[in-house]
């Protein structure tokens, strides 16, 4: 490949934007309440680092 401009587009079948699996978290949402033990599992599984 001599330049980026020489690369042809890739045609991927299907609908865009691809949605994939709507469940992206490995843990369920835990609200701050008396049930929270501050174990950190939700922080480890948070996809946005919250």
Protein backbone atom coordinates (compact mmCIF):
# COMPACT_ATOMS: atom_id res chain seq x y z
CA UNK A 1 0.00 0.00 0.00
CA UNK A 2 1.64 3.19 -1.13
CA UNK A 3 -0.93 5.56 0.40
CA UNK A 4 -4.12 5.53 2.41
CA UNK A 5 -5.98 6.84 -0.63
CA UNK A 6 -5.20 3.66 -2.55
CA UNK A 7 -7.17 1.48 -0.11
CA UNK A 8 -10.66 0.70 -1.40
CA UNK A 9 -13.76 0.85 0.80
CA UNK A 10 -14.91 -2.33 2.52
CA UNK A 11 -18.58 -3.22 2.03
CA UNK A 12 -20.02 -4.95 5.08
CA UNK A 13 -23.49 -6.47 4.70
CA UNK A 14 -26.21 -5.50 7.14
CA UNK A 15 -27.67 -2.36 8.67
CA UNK A 16 -25.52 0.50 9.88
CA UNK A 17 -25.03 1.54 12.59
CA UNK A 18 -24.53 -1.92 14.00
CA UNK A 19 -26.14 -2.25 17.38
CA UNK A 20 -24.82 -5.61 18.55
CA UNK A 21 -25.76 -6.95 21.95
CA UNK A 22 -27.60 -4.23 23.88
CA UNK A 23 -26.27 -5.57 27.19
CA UNK A 24 -22.71 -4.28 27.36
CA UNK A 25 -22.19 -4.45 31.10
CA UNK A 26 -20.98 -7.54 32.90
CA UNK A 27 -22.77 -6.50 36.10
CA UNK A 28 -26.23 -5.11 36.69
CA UNK A 29 -26.63 -1.50 37.79
CA UNK A 30 -26.44 -1.15 41.55
CA UNK A 31 -27.94 2.01 42.98
CA UNK A 32 -26.42 3.64 46.03
CA UNK A 33 -28.43 2.22 48.88
CA UNK A 34 -28.13 0.24 52.06
CA UNK A 35 -27.59 -2.86 49.88
CA UNK A 36 -24.26 -1.46 48.58
CA UNK A 37 -21.31 -3.08 50.36
CA UNK A 38 -18.71 -1.06 48.39
CA UNK A 39 -17.19 -4.28 47.06
CA UNK A 40 -16.07 -2.56 43.84
CA UNK A 41 -17.49 -5.13 41.40
CA UNK A 42 -19.58 -2.48 39.66
CA UNK A 43 -16.55 -0.19 39.28
CA UNK A 44 -14.49 -3.00 37.74
CA UNK A 45 -17.26 -3.82 35.26
CA UNK A 46 -18.13 -0.23 34.33
CA UNK A 47 -17.48 0.31 30.61
CA UNK A 48 -16.99 4.07 31.06
CA UNK A 49 -14.85 3.97 34.19
CA UNK A 50 -17.43 5.61 36.44
